[in-house]
Amino acid sequence: MSISAGFSAVAYCLTTGSRATWGTETAGVHVGAAPGSLVEMKCVRDLTIPLEMGEADITTRGDKGNMITLPTLLKCSVDISAIWNTADPVVLALLSAFVQRKTIPIAFLDRPSTEDGATGTWADYVVTKWEKGEALAEGQTAKFTVKPGPSLVPPEVVRVGDDD
């Protein structure tokens, strides 16, 4: 089935090792098996993954009054809402990446990484914002904003499946 509920989506990170390309690139999507060392980010409650393309206005008088746009840089900024738990290695990895100004490899998939067809993004992210919530009648939460950071492997759109 290609339609999934939000609770089917899964976020993963690497807490050890470094990120490599997901697989063979076909039409801009890297297809292959998910890395075996991914750790599910079970502390995540909600996340938003806006992908946005920059724009360049390349309109000329010959376009007869129509604005013509050229896509430029792809921008991604992911907001992660999590339960604050200092015993959770994922919370600690995100906090550590923020404080140390280091990258953390993360995959955001629409379903588990063991399922063929799972699709999402895979990049080395930097944590650019950490916000701790302490509402009186709620559990403590943390909100992290992550954006692609410096890496030897560019950010990828990925899909789990055979790469041949």
C-alpha atoms as a PDB file:
ATOM      1  CA  MET A   1       0.000   0.000   0.000  1.00  0.00           C
ATOM      2  CA  SER A   2       1.405   3.418  -0.907  1.00  0.00           C
ATOM      3  CA  ILE A   3      -0.731   5.513   1.486  1.00  0.00           C
ATOM      4  CA  SER A   4       0.516   5.621   5.087  1.00  0.00           C
ATOM      5  CA  ALA A   5      -0.711   7.188   8.320  1.00  0.00           C
ATOM      6  CA  GLY A   6       1.596   9.538  10.217  1.00  0.00           C
ATOM      7  CA  PHE A   7       2.216   6.967  12.931  1.00  0.00           C
ATOM      8  CA  SER A   8       3.687   4.636  10.275  1.00  0.00           C
ATOM      9  CA  ALA A   9       6.564   7.037   9.611  1.00  0.00           C
ATOM     10  CA  VAL A  10       9.851   6.262  11.330  1.00  0.00           C
ATOM     11  CA  ALA A  11      12.909   8.409  12.034  1.00  0.00           C
ATOM     12  CA  TYR A  12      16.307   6.756  12.389  1.00  0.00           C
ATOM     13  CA  CYS A  13      19.785   7.959  13.270  1.00  0.00           C
ATOM     14  CA  LEU A  14      23.299   6.597  13.404  1.00  0.00           C
ATOM     15  CA  THR A  15      24.756   6.994  16.889  1.00  0.00           C
ATOM     16  CA  THR A  16      28.007   5.316  15.821  1.00  0.00           C
ATOM     17  CA  GLY A  17      29.883   5.250  12.535  1.00  0.00           C
ATOM     18  CA  SER A  18      29.549   7.560   9.569  1.00  0.00           C
ATOM     19  CA  ARG A  19      26.967   7.924   6.823  1.00  0.00           C
ATOM     20  CA  ALA A  20      27.472   6.454   3.362  1.00  0.00           C
ATOM     21  CA  THR A  21      25.338   6.734   0.254  1.00  0.00           C
ATOM     22  CA  TRP A  22      22.073   4.727   0.474  1.00  0.00           C
ATOM     23  CA  GLY A  23      22.421   2.973  -2.872  1.00  0.00           C
ATOM     24  CA  THR A  24      22.307   3.407  -6.619  1.00  0.00           C
ATOM     25  CA  GLU A  25      20.830   6.684  -7.865  1.00  0.00           C
ATOM     26  CA  THR A  26      17.934   6.376 -10.306  1.00  0.00           C
ATOM     27  CA  ALA A  27      16.095   9.525 -11.432  1.00  0.00           C
ATOM     28  CA  GLY A  28      17.405  11.420  -8.397  1.00  0.00           C
ATOM     29  CA  VAL A  29      16.351   8.766  -5.852  1.00  0.00           C
ATOM     30  CA  HIS A  30      18.949   6.534  -4.175  1.00  0.00           C
ATOM     31  CA  VAL A  31      17.597   2.966  -4.038  1.00  0.00           C
ATOM     32  CA  GLY A  32      19.050   0.222  -1.851  1.00  0.00           C
ATOM     33  CA  ALA A  33      18.886  -1.559   1.461  1.00  0.00           C
ATOM     34  CA  ALA A  34      18.769   0.604   4.575  1.00  0.00           C
ATOM     35  CA  PRO A  35      21.987   0.640   6.598  1.00  0.00           C
ATOM     36  CA  GLY A  36      21.890  -2.088   9.240  1.00  0.00           C
ATOM     37  CA  SER A  37      23.210   0.187  11.980  1.00  0.00           C
ATOM     38  CA  LEU A  38      20.236   2.586  12.013  1.00  0.00           C
ATOM     39  CA  VAL A  39      18.720   3.241  15.455  1.00  0.00           C
ATOM     40  CA  GLU A  40      15.002   4.016  15.591  1.00  0.00           C
ATOM     41  CA  MET A  41      14.279   7.396  17.168  1.00  0.00           C
ATOM     42  CA  LYS A  42      11.451   6.105  19.391  1.00  0.00           C
ATOM     43  CA  CYS A  43      11.352   9.316  21.452  1.00  0.00           C
ATOM     44  CA  VAL A  44       9.999  11.283  18.459  1.00  0.00           C
ATOM     45  CA  ARG A  45       6.376  12.377  18.731  1.00  0.00           C
ATOM     46  CA  ASP A  46       5.862  14.625  15.728  1.00  0.00           C
ATOM     47  CA  LEU A  47       7.986  15.965  12.952  1.00  0.00           C
ATOM     48  CA  THR A  48       7.596  18.185   9.946  1.00  0.00           C
ATOM     49  CA  ILE A  49       9.782  17.806   6.865  1.00  0.00           C
ATOM     50  CA  PRO A  50       9.389  20.764   4.516  1.00  0.00           C
ATOM     51  CA  LEU A  51      11.482  20.496   1.353  1.00  0.00           C
ATOM     52  CA  GLU A  52      11.627  23.769  -0.495  1.00  0.00           C
ATOM     53  CA  MET A  53      13.239  24.810  -3.761  1.00  0.00           C
ATOM     54  CA  GLY A  54      14.872  28.209  -4.115  1.00  0.00           C
ATOM     55  CA  GLU A  55      13.827  30.261  -7.125  1.00  0.00           C
ATOM     56  CA  ALA A  56      15.571  32.496  -9.615  1.00  0.00           C
ATOM     57  CA  ASP A  57      13.517  34.893 -11.725  1.00  0.00           C
ATOM     58  CA  ILE A  58      14.760  34.480 -15.305  1.00  0.00           C
ATOM     59  CA  THR A  59      11.938  36.405 -16.988  1.00  0.00           C
ATOM     60  CA  THR A  60      12.730  38.227 -20.193  1.00  0.00           C
ATOM     61  CA  ARG A  61      10.650  40.540 -22.353  1.00  0.00           C
ATOM     62  CA  GLY A  62      10.272  37.654 -24.798  1.00  0.00           C
ATOM     63  CA  ASP A  63       8.190  35.747 -22.228  1.00  0.00           C
ATOM     64  CA  LYS A  64       5.220  38.006 -23.104  1.00  0.00           C
ATOM     65  CA  GLY A  65       4.295  39.033 -19.575  1.00  0.00           C
ATOM     66  CA  ASN A  66       4.766  35.596 -17.997  1.00  0.00           C
ATOM     67  CA  MET A  67       7.110  35.239 -15.046  1.00  0.00           C
ATOM     68  CA  ILE A  68       9.591  32.436 -15.705  1.00  0.00           C
ATOM     69  CA  THR A  69      11.244  30.716 -12.756  1.00  0.00           C
ATOM     70  CA  LEU A  70      14.368  28.565 -12.569  1.00  0.00           C
ATOM     71  CA  PRO A  71      14.632  26.192  -9.594  1.00  0.00           C
ATOM     72  CA  THR A  72      17.854  26.655  -7.637  1.00  0.00           C
ATOM     73  CA  LEU A  73      18.932  25.266  -4.255  1.00  0.00           C
ATOM     74  CA  LEU A  74      16.930  22.646  -2.360  1.00  0.00           C
ATOM     75  CA  LYS A  75      16.326  23.625   1.266  1.00  0.00           C
ATOM     76  CA  CYS A  76      15.330  21.323   4.119  1.00  0.00           C
ATOM     77  CA  SER A  77      14.670  22.198   7.762  1.00  0.00           C
ATOM     78  CA  VAL A  78      13.120  19.449   9.904  1.00  0.00           C
ATOM     79  CA  ASP A  79      11.353  20.168  13.186  1.00  0.00           C
ATOM     80  CA  ILE A  80      11.427  17.227  15.620  1.00  0.00           C
ATOM     81  CA  SER A  81       9.233  17.072  18.724  1.00  0.00           C
ATOM     82  CA  ALA A  82      10.379  14.467  21.259  1.00  0.00           C
ATOM     83  CA  ILE A  83       9.746  13.340  24.803  1.00  0.00           C
ATOM     84  CA  TRP A  84      12.518  14.697  27.051  1.00  0.00           C
ATOM     85  CA  ASN A  85      14.307  11.653  28.471  1.00  0.00           C
ATOM     86  CA  THR A  86      17.992  11.965  29.351  1.00  0.00           C
ATOM     87  CA  ALA A  87      18.265   8.160  29.505  1.00  0.00           C
ATOM     88  CA  ASP A  88      17.354   7.933  25.799  1.00  0.00           C
ATOM     89  CA  PRO A  89      20.512   7.672  23.632  1.00  0.00           C
ATOM     90  CA  VAL A  90      18.768   9.446  20.739  1.00  0.00           C
ATOM     91  CA  VAL A  91      17.873  12.502  22.859  1.00  0.00           C
ATOM     92  CA  LEU A  92      21.455  12.543  24.120  1.00  0.00           C
ATOM     93  CA  ALA A  93      22.827  12.215  20.559  1.00  0.00           C
ATOM     94  CA  LEU A  94      20.712  15.166  19.357  1.00  0.00           C
ATOM     95  CA  LEU A  95      21.680  17.262  22.379  1.00  0.00           C
ATOM     96  CA  SER A  96      25.341  16.332  21.968  1.00  0.00           C
ATOM     97  CA  ALA A  97      25.264  17.227  18.251  1.00  0.00           C
ATOM     98  CA  PHE A  98      23.767  20.613  19.169  1.00  0.00           C
ATOM     99  CA  VAL A  99      26.228  21.452  21.946  1.00  0.00           C
ATOM    100  CA  GLN A 100      29.293  20.172  20.054  1.00  0.00           C
ATOM    101  CA  ARG A 101      28.176  21.675  16.705  1.00  0.00           C
ATOM    102  CA  LYS A 102      28.578  18.293  15.001  1.00  0.00           C
ATOM    103  CA  THR A 103      26.504  16.443  12.440  1.00  0.00           C
ATOM    104  CA  ILE A 104      24.251  13.469  13.140  1.00  0.00           C
ATOM    105  CA  PRO A 105      23.205  11.100  10.321  1.00  0.00           C
ATOM    106  CA  ILE A 106      19.377  10.845  10.190  1.00  0.00           C
ATOM    107  CA  ALA A 107      16.892   9.095   7.900  1.00  0.00           C
ATOM    108  CA  PHE A 108      13.258  10.201   7.865  1.00  0.00           C
ATOM    109  CA  LEU A 109      11.169   7.442   6.227  1.00  0.00           C
ATOM    110  CA  ASP A 110       7.445   7.087   5.581  1.00  0.00           C
ATOM    111  CA  ARG A 111       7.465   3.544   7.018  1.00  0.00           C
ATOM    112  CA  PRO A 112       9.946   1.108   8.635  1.00  0.00           C
ATOM    113  CA  SER A 113      13.339   0.709   6.956  1.00  0.00           C
ATOM    114  CA  THR A 114      12.721  -3.046   6.645  1.00  0.00           C
ATOM    115  CA  GLU A 115       9.824  -2.514   4.209  1.00  0.00           C
ATOM    116  CA  ASP A 116      10.454  -2.341   0.471  1.00  0.00           C
ATOM    117  CA  GLY A 117       9.336   1.006  -0.895  1.00  0.00           C
ATOM    118  CA  ALA A 118       9.962   2.966   2.324  1.00  0.00           C
ATOM    119  CA  THR A 119      10.872   6.449   1.083  1.00  0.00           C
ATOM    120  CA  GLY A 120      12.332   9.566   2.660  1.00  0.00           C
ATOM    121  CA  THR A 121      15.431  11.665   3.171  1.00  0.00           C
ATOM    122  CA  TRP A 122      18.910  10.658   4.379  1.00  0.00           C
ATOM    123  CA  ALA A 123      21.521  13.239   5.340  1.00  0.00           C
ATOM    124  CA  ASP A 124      24.081  14.365   7.871  1.00  0.00           C
ATOM    125  CA  TYR A 125      22.151  16.995   9.833  1.00  0.00           C
ATOM    126  CA  VAL A 126      23.255  19.765  12.164  1.00  0.00           C
ATOM    127  CA  VAL A 127      21.000  20.661  15.079  1.00  0.00           C
ATOM    128  CA  THR A 128      20.370  24.392  14.762  1.00  0.00           C
ATOM    129  CA  LYS A 129      17.791  24.771  17.548  1.00  0.00           C
ATOM    130  CA  TRP A 130      16.959  23.055  20.835  1.00  0.00           C
ATOM    131  CA  GLU A 131      13.886  24.087  22.774  1.00  0.00           C
ATOM    132  CA  LYS A 132      12.775  22.411  26.022  1.00  0.00           C
ATOM    133  CA  GLY A 133       9.110  22.449  27.000  1.00  0.00           C
ATOM    134  CA  GLU A 134       8.038  22.207  30.622  1.00  0.00           C
ATOM    135  CA  ALA A 135       4.248  22.656  30.538  1.00  0.00           C
ATOM    136  CA  LEU A 136       2.678  22.353  33.981  1.00  0.00           C
ATOM    137  CA  ALA A 137       0.248  19.539  33.137  1.00  0.00           C
ATOM    138  CA  GLU A 138       2.290  17.711  30.458  1.00  0.00           C
ATOM    139  CA  GLY A 139       5.398  15.604  30.202  1.00  0.00           C
ATOM    140  CA  GLN A 140       8.596  17.491  29.454  1.00  0.00           C
ATOM    141  CA  THR A 141       9.395  17.733  25.760  1.00  0.00           C
ATOM    142  CA  ALA A 142      12.241  18.789  23.529  1.00  0.00           C
ATOM    143  CA  LYS A 143      12.012  20.363  20.104  1.00  0.00           C
ATOM    144  CA  PHE A 144      14.983  20.125  17.794  1.00  0.00           C
ATOM    145  CA  THR A 145      15.429  21.761  14.388  1.00  0.00           C
ATOM    146  CA  VAL A 146      17.842  19.946  12.084  1.00  0.00           C
ATOM    147  CA  LYS A 147      19.203  21.013   8.697  1.00  0.00           C
ATOM    148  CA  PRO A 148      21.632  19.288   6.314  1.00  0.00           C
ATOM    149  CA  GLY A 149      25.196  19.991   7.398  1.00  0.00           C
ATOM    150  CA  PRO A 150      28.698  19.558   6.005  1.00  0.00           C
ATOM    151  CA  SER A 151      29.295  16.035   4.740  1.00  0.00           C
ATOM    152  CA  LEU A 152      31.315  14.015   2.256  1.00  0.00           C
ATOM    153  CA  VAL A 153      27.993  12.512   1.079  1.00  0.00           C
ATOM    154  CA  PRO A 154      25.349  14.999  -0.139  1.00  0.00           C
ATOM    155  CA  PRO A 155      21.775  14.724   1.222  1.00  0.00           C
ATOM    156  CA  GLU A 156      19.737  12.067  -0.574  1.00  0.00           C
ATOM    157  CA  VAL A 157      16.125  11.211  -1.300  1.00  0.00           C
ATOM    158  CA  VAL A 158      16.053   7.459  -0.666  1.00  0.00           C
ATOM    159  CA  ARG A 159      13.884   4.404  -1.179  1.00  0.00           C
ATOM    160  CA  VAL A 160      14.327   0.944   0.339  1.00  0.00           C
ATOM    161  CA  GLY A 161      14.533  -1.757  -2.334  1.00  0.00           C
ATOM    162  CA  ASP A 162      16.779  -3.620  -4.725  1.00  0.00           C
ATOM    163  CA  ASP A 163      19.349  -1.324  -6.295  1.00  0.00           C
ATOM    164  CA  ASP A 164      19.875  -3.399  -9.417  1.00  0.00           C
END
